[in-house]
Amino acid sequence: MIRRFGLSERIVLSSFNHYTLVRCKQIAPELPCGILYECRIAEPQDYCKRLGMQYLHPDYRFLDDAELTKYESAGVKTSPWTVDGDDEIKYLLGQLNIFAIMSNKPDRVLELRDGRSSSDKASY
């Protein structure tokens, strides 16, 4: 379906099941994939590369400047999940290597990204 509808450039396959992602890469190597994880992994950027993935999707609580620097140096894009607090969203918006922020509050992420407040909703 992804190919049929021309969505290859607009999606990133993501799963907690890393075996499934490896299989996806075997079937469609051109599709970008990201490993979701909710526990600490030793050197996740190396694990990501070894599996042939392009993205890390860590629990945001595992991220700090040193981790993000390692991911960036390895050429791995990062999309943390589930980031709902304003302070955490602001911190991640300030990082260069953040590809996306997964949140239950996407409107709030956009407000903070664009420097808008909740009272500005009528303008968008």
Protein backbone atom coordinates (compact mmCIF):
# COMPACT_ATOMS: atom_id res chain seq x y z
CA MET A 1 0.00 0.00 0.00
CA ILE A 2 2.81 2.39 0.82
CA ARG A 3 4.27 2.02 -2.66
CA ARG A 4 0.88 1.93 -4.41
CA PHE A 5 -0.16 5.24 -2.88
CA GLY A 6 3.27 6.84 -3.32
CA LEU A 7 3.87 7.32 0.40
CA SER A 8 7.46 6.08 0.57
CA GLU A 9 8.79 9.61 1.05
CA ARG A 10 6.27 10.46 3.77
CA ILE A 11 6.49 7.62 6.27
CA VAL A 12 8.87 6.02 8.74
CA LEU A 13 8.03 2.47 9.78
CA SER A 14 8.37 2.13 13.53
CA SER A 15 7.87 -0.72 15.98
CA PHE A 16 8.83 -2.09 19.37
CA ASN A 17 9.23 -5.42 17.55
CA HIS A 18 12.67 -5.09 16.02
CA TYR A 19 12.41 -8.46 14.26
CA THR A 20 9.42 -7.08 12.35
CA LEU A 21 11.45 -4.05 11.29
CA VAL A 22 14.28 -6.26 10.03
CA ARG A 23 11.72 -8.20 7.99
CA CYS A 24 10.29 -4.92 6.63
CA LYS A 25 13.78 -3.92 5.50
CA GLN A 26 14.16 -7.27 3.71
CA ILE A 27 10.86 -6.73 1.88
CA ALA A 28 11.24 -3.00 1.21
CA PRO A 29 14.82 -1.83 1.83
CA GLU A 30 14.03 1.66 0.53
CA LEU A 31 11.60 2.38 3.36
CA PRO A 32 13.03 4.18 6.39
CA CYS A 33 12.62 2.37 9.70
CA GLY A 34 13.01 3.34 13.33
CA ILE A 35 13.35 1.21 16.42
CA LEU A 36 11.03 2.05 19.29
CA TYR A 37 12.36 1.11 22.71
CA GLU A 38 11.26 1.63 26.28
CA CYS A 39 14.26 0.32 28.20
CA ARG A 40 17.88 1.33 28.09
CA ILE A 41 19.97 -0.19 25.31
CA ALA A 42 23.77 -0.16 25.37
CA GLU A 43 24.93 2.04 22.47
CA PRO A 44 21.54 2.26 20.73
CA GLN A 45 23.03 4.12 17.76
CA ASP A 46 25.28 1.12 17.02
CA TYR A 47 22.36 -1.30 17.43
CA CYS A 48 20.28 0.83 15.08
CA LYS A 49 22.98 0.84 12.41
CA ARG A 50 23.66 -2.89 12.82
CA LEU A 51 19.98 -3.61 12.11
CA GLY A 52 20.04 -1.33 9.06
CA MET A 53 17.67 1.23 10.55
CA GLN A 54 17.87 5.00 10.16
CA TYR A 55 15.90 6.19 13.20
CA LEU A 56 15.90 5.75 16.96
CA HIS A 57 12.61 6.23 18.78
CA PRO A 58 13.59 6.20 22.47
CA ASP A 59 11.57 6.97 25.55
CA TYR A 60 12.39 10.68 25.93
CA ARG A 61 13.48 10.15 29.55
CA PHE A 62 16.64 8.40 28.28
CA LEU A 63 17.85 11.42 26.31
CA ASP A 64 20.43 13.95 27.33
CA ASP A 65 22.94 16.06 25.43
CA ALA A 66 25.60 13.31 25.43
CA GLU A 67 23.21 10.67 24.04
CA LEU A 68 21.90 13.00 21.34
CA THR A 69 25.46 13.87 20.32
CA LYS A 70 26.32 10.17 19.94
CA TYR A 71 23.24 9.56 17.80
CA GLU A 72 24.01 12.56 15.61
CA SER A 73 27.65 11.49 15.17
CA ALA A 74 26.43 8.06 14.04
CA GLY A 75 24.07 9.64 11.50
CA VAL A 76 20.97 8.34 13.26
CA LYS A 77 17.86 10.51 13.38
CA THR A 78 15.99 10.66 16.68
CA SER A 79 12.25 10.83 17.37
CA PRO A 80 11.54 10.52 21.10
CA TRP A 81 8.18 9.44 22.50
CA THR A 82 5.76 10.27 24.38
CA VAL A 83 6.74 13.85 25.15
CA ASP A 84 3.86 15.80 26.69
CA GLY A 85 5.42 18.21 29.22
CA ASP A 86 6.20 21.76 28.10
CA ASP A 87 9.73 21.72 29.56
CA GLU A 88 10.60 18.45 27.82
CA ILE A 89 9.09 19.61 24.53
CA LYS A 90 11.04 22.89 24.68
CA TYR A 91 14.29 21.07 25.44
CA LEU A 92 13.83 18.69 22.49
CA LEU A 93 12.78 21.48 20.13
CA GLY A 94 16.15 23.09 20.85
CA GLN A 95 18.13 20.03 19.76
CA LEU A 96 19.46 19.82 16.21
CA ASN A 97 19.24 16.04 15.86
CA ILE A 98 15.54 15.67 16.71
CA PHE A 99 13.66 14.52 13.62
CA ALA A 100 10.23 14.46 15.25
CA ILE A 101 8.58 14.56 18.65
CA MET A 102 5.93 11.94 19.33
CA SER A 103 3.35 13.38 21.69
CA ASN A 104 -0.22 13.02 22.88
CA LYS A 105 -0.35 16.80 22.52
CA PRO A 106 0.73 17.56 18.94
CA ASP A 107 -1.07 20.92 18.99
CA ARG A 108 1.00 21.95 22.03
CA VAL A 109 4.23 20.84 20.34
CA LEU A 110 3.35 23.03 17.34
CA GLU A 111 2.44 25.97 19.59
CA LEU A 112 5.79 25.76 21.38
CA ARG A 113 7.68 25.24 18.13
CA ASP A 114 6.04 28.26 16.54
CA GLY A 115 6.16 30.45 19.66
CA ARG A 116 2.38 30.60 19.96
CA SER A 117 0.28 30.38 23.09
CA SER A 118 -2.96 28.47 23.57
CA SER A 119 -4.86 31.74 23.27
CA ASP A 120 -3.58 32.15 19.68
CA LYS A 121 -5.49 29.11 18.37
CA ALA A 122 -7.80 31.23 16.23
CA SER A 123 -4.79 32.31 14.16
CA TYR A 124 -4.09 28.81 12.86
